Amino acid sequence: MLRYKIDILDALKQAGFSTYKIRKDKLIGEAQMQKIRVGEIASKDTLNTICRLLNCQPGDILEYVPDEANQKSE
């Protein structure tokens, strides 16, 4: 299962991108912002935008954690 390694919204805020600015400049759509808020992985396009805004690689913000249910069935 993929999950965020960092608090994406906090990292964006620290980089100067408040949720207001993100909405105003139409950098990330509200549906994708809501996914990020609840910990769901955003779309590929949104991840591209996040990496561009934070000047980072996907591995800097995402990590793979084995899902216990899948490990037991294998």
N, C-alpha and C. Protein backbone atom coordinates (compact mmCIF):
# COMPACT_ATOMS: atom_id res chain seq x y z
N MET A 1 0.85 -1.16 0.00
CA MET A 1 0.00 0.00 0.00
C MET A 1 0.90 1.24 0.00
N LEU A 2 0.59 2.18 -0.84
CA LEU A 2 1.32 3.45 -0.85
C LEU A 2 0.72 4.40 0.17
N ARG A 3 1.60 5.18 0.80
CA ARG A 3 1.13 6.22 1.71
C ARG A 3 2.12 7.38 1.68
N TYR A 4 1.66 8.51 2.17
CA TYR A 4 2.51 9.68 2.21
C TYR A 4 3.51 9.57 3.35
N LYS A 5 4.77 9.92 3.08
CA LYS A 5 5.80 9.94 4.10
C LYS A 5 5.78 11.24 4.89
N ILE A 6 5.23 12.28 4.27
CA ILE A 6 5.21 13.61 4.89
C ILE A 6 3.78 14.15 4.84
N ASP A 7 3.55 15.20 5.61
CA ASP A 7 2.28 15.91 5.55
C ASP A 7 2.36 16.83 4.32
N ILE A 8 1.71 16.45 3.26
CA ILE A 8 1.80 17.16 1.99
C ILE A 8 1.34 18.61 2.13
N LEU A 9 0.21 18.82 2.75
CA LEU A 9 -0.32 20.18 2.86
C LEU A 9 0.60 21.07 3.69
N ASP A 10 1.19 20.51 4.75
CA ASP A 10 2.13 21.27 5.57
C ASP A 10 3.39 21.60 4.77
N ALA A 11 3.89 20.63 4.01
CA ALA A 11 5.09 20.86 3.19
C ALA A 11 4.82 21.94 2.14
N LEU A 12 3.64 21.89 1.52
CA LEU A 12 3.29 22.92 0.54
C LEU A 12 3.20 24.29 1.21
N LYS A 13 2.60 24.33 2.39
CA LYS A 13 2.48 25.60 3.12
C LYS A 13 3.87 26.15 3.46
N GLN A 14 4.78 25.27 3.91
CA GLN A 14 6.14 25.70 4.23
C GLN A 14 6.86 26.24 3.00
N ALA A 15 6.49 25.72 1.83
CA ALA A 15 7.09 26.17 0.57
C ALA A 15 6.40 27.41 0.01
N GLY A 16 5.42 27.95 0.74
CA GLY A 16 4.74 29.17 0.31
C GLY A 16 3.46 28.96 -0.47
N PHE A 17 2.93 27.74 -0.44
CA PHE A 17 1.71 27.43 -1.18
C PHE A 17 0.59 27.09 -0.21
N SER A 18 -0.12 28.11 0.26
CA SER A 18 -1.27 27.88 1.14
C SER A 18 -2.39 27.24 0.32
N THR A 19 -3.36 26.64 1.02
CA THR A 19 -4.48 26.04 0.30
C THR A 19 -5.23 27.11 -0.49
N TYR A 20 -5.28 28.34 0.04
CA TYR A 20 -5.92 29.43 -0.69
C TYR A 20 -5.19 29.70 -2.01
N LYS A 21 -3.88 29.80 -1.95
CA LYS A 21 -3.08 30.07 -3.15
C LYS A 21 -3.21 28.92 -4.15
N ILE A 22 -3.22 27.69 -3.66
CA ILE A 22 -3.35 26.53 -4.54
C ILE A 22 -4.68 26.57 -5.27
N ARG A 23 -5.76 26.91 -4.55
CA ARG A 23 -7.08 27.02 -5.20
C ARG A 23 -7.13 28.21 -6.15
N LYS A 24 -6.65 29.37 -5.67
CA LYS A 24 -6.70 30.60 -6.47
C LYS A 24 -5.93 30.45 -7.79
N ASP A 25 -4.75 29.86 -7.71
CA ASP A 25 -3.92 29.69 -8.91
C ASP A 25 -4.24 28.42 -9.68
N LYS A 26 -5.25 27.66 -9.20
CA LYS A 26 -5.71 26.42 -9.84
C LYS A 26 -4.55 25.44 -10.07
N LEU A 27 -3.72 25.28 -9.03
CA LEU A 27 -2.59 24.36 -9.12
C LEU A 27 -3.02 22.92 -8.90
N ILE A 28 -3.94 22.71 -7.97
CA ILE A 28 -4.47 21.38 -7.65
C ILE A 28 -5.98 21.53 -7.43
N GLY A 29 -6.75 20.66 -8.04
CA GLY A 29 -8.20 20.72 -7.92
C GLY A 29 -8.68 20.36 -6.51
N GLU A 30 -9.86 20.81 -6.17
CA GLU A 30 -10.41 20.59 -4.83
C GLU A 30 -10.61 19.10 -4.53
N ALA A 31 -11.02 18.31 -5.52
CA ALA A 31 -11.21 16.87 -5.29
C ALA A 31 -9.88 16.21 -4.93
N GLN A 32 -8.82 16.61 -5.60
CA GLN A 32 -7.49 16.07 -5.30
C GLN A 32 -6.99 16.56 -3.94
N MET A 33 -7.29 17.81 -3.61
CA MET A 33 -6.92 18.34 -2.30
C MET A 33 -7.61 17.54 -1.20
N GLN A 34 -8.86 17.19 -1.41
CA GLN A 34 -9.59 16.41 -0.42
C GLN A 34 -8.97 15.02 -0.25
N LYS A 35 -8.57 14.41 -1.35
CA LYS A 35 -7.89 13.11 -1.27
C LYS A 35 -6.63 13.22 -0.42
N ILE A 36 -5.86 14.26 -0.64
CA ILE A 36 -4.63 14.47 0.13
C ILE A 36 -4.96 14.66 1.60
N ARG A 37 -6.00 15.43 1.89
CA ARG A 37 -6.40 15.69 3.28
C ARG A 37 -6.70 14.41 4.05
N VAL A 38 -7.34 13.45 3.38
CA VAL A 38 -7.74 12.21 4.06
C VAL A 38 -6.70 11.10 3.90
N GLY A 39 -5.58 11.41 3.27
CA GLY A 39 -4.50 10.43 3.16
C GLY A 39 -4.55 9.52 1.96
N GLU A 40 -5.50 9.76 1.05
CA GLU A 40 -5.56 8.97 -0.17
C GLU A 40 -4.51 9.48 -1.15
N ILE A 41 -4.00 8.58 -1.96
CA ILE A 41 -2.98 8.97 -2.93
C ILE A 41 -3.65 9.73 -4.08
N ALA A 42 -3.10 10.87 -4.38
CA ALA A 42 -3.63 11.74 -5.44
C ALA A 42 -3.30 11.16 -6.81
N SER A 43 -3.86 11.76 -7.85
CA SER A 43 -3.61 11.32 -9.21
C SER A 43 -2.16 11.56 -9.61
N LYS A 44 -1.77 10.91 -10.69
CA LYS A 44 -0.40 11.07 -11.21
C LYS A 44 -0.13 12.53 -11.54
N ASP A 45 -1.08 13.20 -12.16
CA ASP A 45 -0.90 14.61 -12.51
C ASP A 45 -0.71 15.48 -11.26
N THR A 46 -1.48 15.18 -10.23
CA THR A 46 -1.36 15.94 -8.98
C THR A 46 -0.02 15.66 -8.32
N LEU A 47 0.41 14.41 -8.33
CA LEU A 47 1.73 14.08 -7.78
C LEU A 47 2.84 14.80 -8.55
N ASN A 48 2.68 14.89 -9.87
CA ASN A 48 3.65 15.66 -10.68
C ASN A 48 3.69 17.11 -10.21
N THR A 49 2.52 17.69 -10.00
CA THR A 49 2.44 19.09 -9.56
C THR A 49 3.08 19.26 -8.18
N ILE A 50 2.78 18.35 -7.26
CA ILE A 50 3.36 18.42 -5.91
C ILE A 50 4.88 18.35 -5.99
N CYS A 51 5.40 17.42 -6.77
CA CYS A 51 6.85 17.28 -6.91
C CYS A 51 7.47 18.54 -7.51
N ARG A 52 6.77 19.14 -8.47
CA ARG A 52 7.28 20.38 -9.08
C ARG A 52 7.30 21.51 -8.05
N LEU A 53 6.20 21.65 -7.31
CA LEU A 53 6.11 22.74 -6.33
C LEU A 53 7.10 22.58 -5.18
N LEU A 54 7.33 21.33 -4.78
CA LEU A 54 8.24 21.08 -3.66
C LEU A 54 9.67 20.79 -4.11
N ASN A 55 9.87 20.74 -5.44
CA ASN A 55 11.19 20.44 -6.01
C ASN A 55 11.73 19.15 -5.40
N CYS A 56 10.95 18.07 -5.56
CA CYS A 56 11.34 16.79 -4.97
C CYS A 56 10.99 15.65 -5.92
N GLN A 57 11.36 14.45 -5.53
CA GLN A 57 11.05 13.23 -6.27
C GLN A 57 9.86 12.52 -5.60
N PRO A 58 9.12 11.69 -6.33
CA PRO A 58 8.01 10.98 -5.73
C PRO A 58 8.41 10.18 -4.49
N GLY A 59 9.59 9.60 -4.50
CA GLY A 59 10.07 8.83 -3.36
C GLY A 59 10.30 9.67 -2.12
N ASP A 60 10.38 10.98 -2.29
CA ASP A 60 10.53 11.87 -1.14
C ASP A 60 9.21 12.07 -0.40
N ILE A 61 8.11 11.81 -1.09
CA ILE A 61 6.80 12.05 -0.47
C ILE A 61 5.96 10.79 -0.30
N LEU A 62 6.31 9.72 -1.02
CA LEU A 62 5.55 8.47 -0.96
C LEU A 62 6.43 7.33 -0.49
N GLU A 63 5.78 6.36 0.19
CA GLU A 63 6.48 5.14 0.55
C GLU A 63 5.53 3.96 0.40
N TYR A 64 6.11 2.79 0.16
CA TYR A 64 5.32 1.57 0.07
C TYR A 64 5.41 0.84 1.40
N VAL A 65 4.26 0.50 1.94
CA VAL A 65 4.18 -0.26 3.18
C VAL A 65 3.38 -1.52 2.85
N PRO A 66 3.98 -2.69 3.08
CA PRO A 66 3.23 -3.93 2.77
C PRO A 66 1.90 -3.96 3.51
N ASP A 67 0.88 -4.40 2.82
CA ASP A 67 -0.46 -4.54 3.39
C ASP A 67 -0.55 -5.89 4.07
N GLU A 68 -0.85 -5.93 5.35
CA GLU A 68 -0.88 -7.19 6.11
C GLU A 68 -1.83 -8.20 5.51
N ALA A 69 -2.99 -7.77 5.05
CA ALA A 69 -3.98 -8.70 4.49
C ALA A 69 -3.42 -9.39 3.25
N ASN A 70 -2.71 -8.66 2.40
CA ASN A 70 -2.14 -9.26 1.18
C ASN A 70 -0.97 -10.18 1.52
N GLN A 71 -0.18 -9.85 2.53
CA GLN A 71 0.95 -10.68 2.90
C GLN A 71 0.49 -12.05 3.41
N LYS A 72 -0.60 -12.08 4.16
CA LYS A 72 -1.10 -13.35 4.73
C LYS A 72 -1.60 -14.29 3.65
N SER A 73 -2.16 -13.73 2.56
CA SER A 73 -2.72 -14.57 1.51
C SER A 73 -1.66 -15.09 0.54
N GLU A 74 -0.47 -14.52 0.60
CA GLU A 74 0.58 -14.94 -0.35
C GLU A 74 1.33 -16.08 0.15
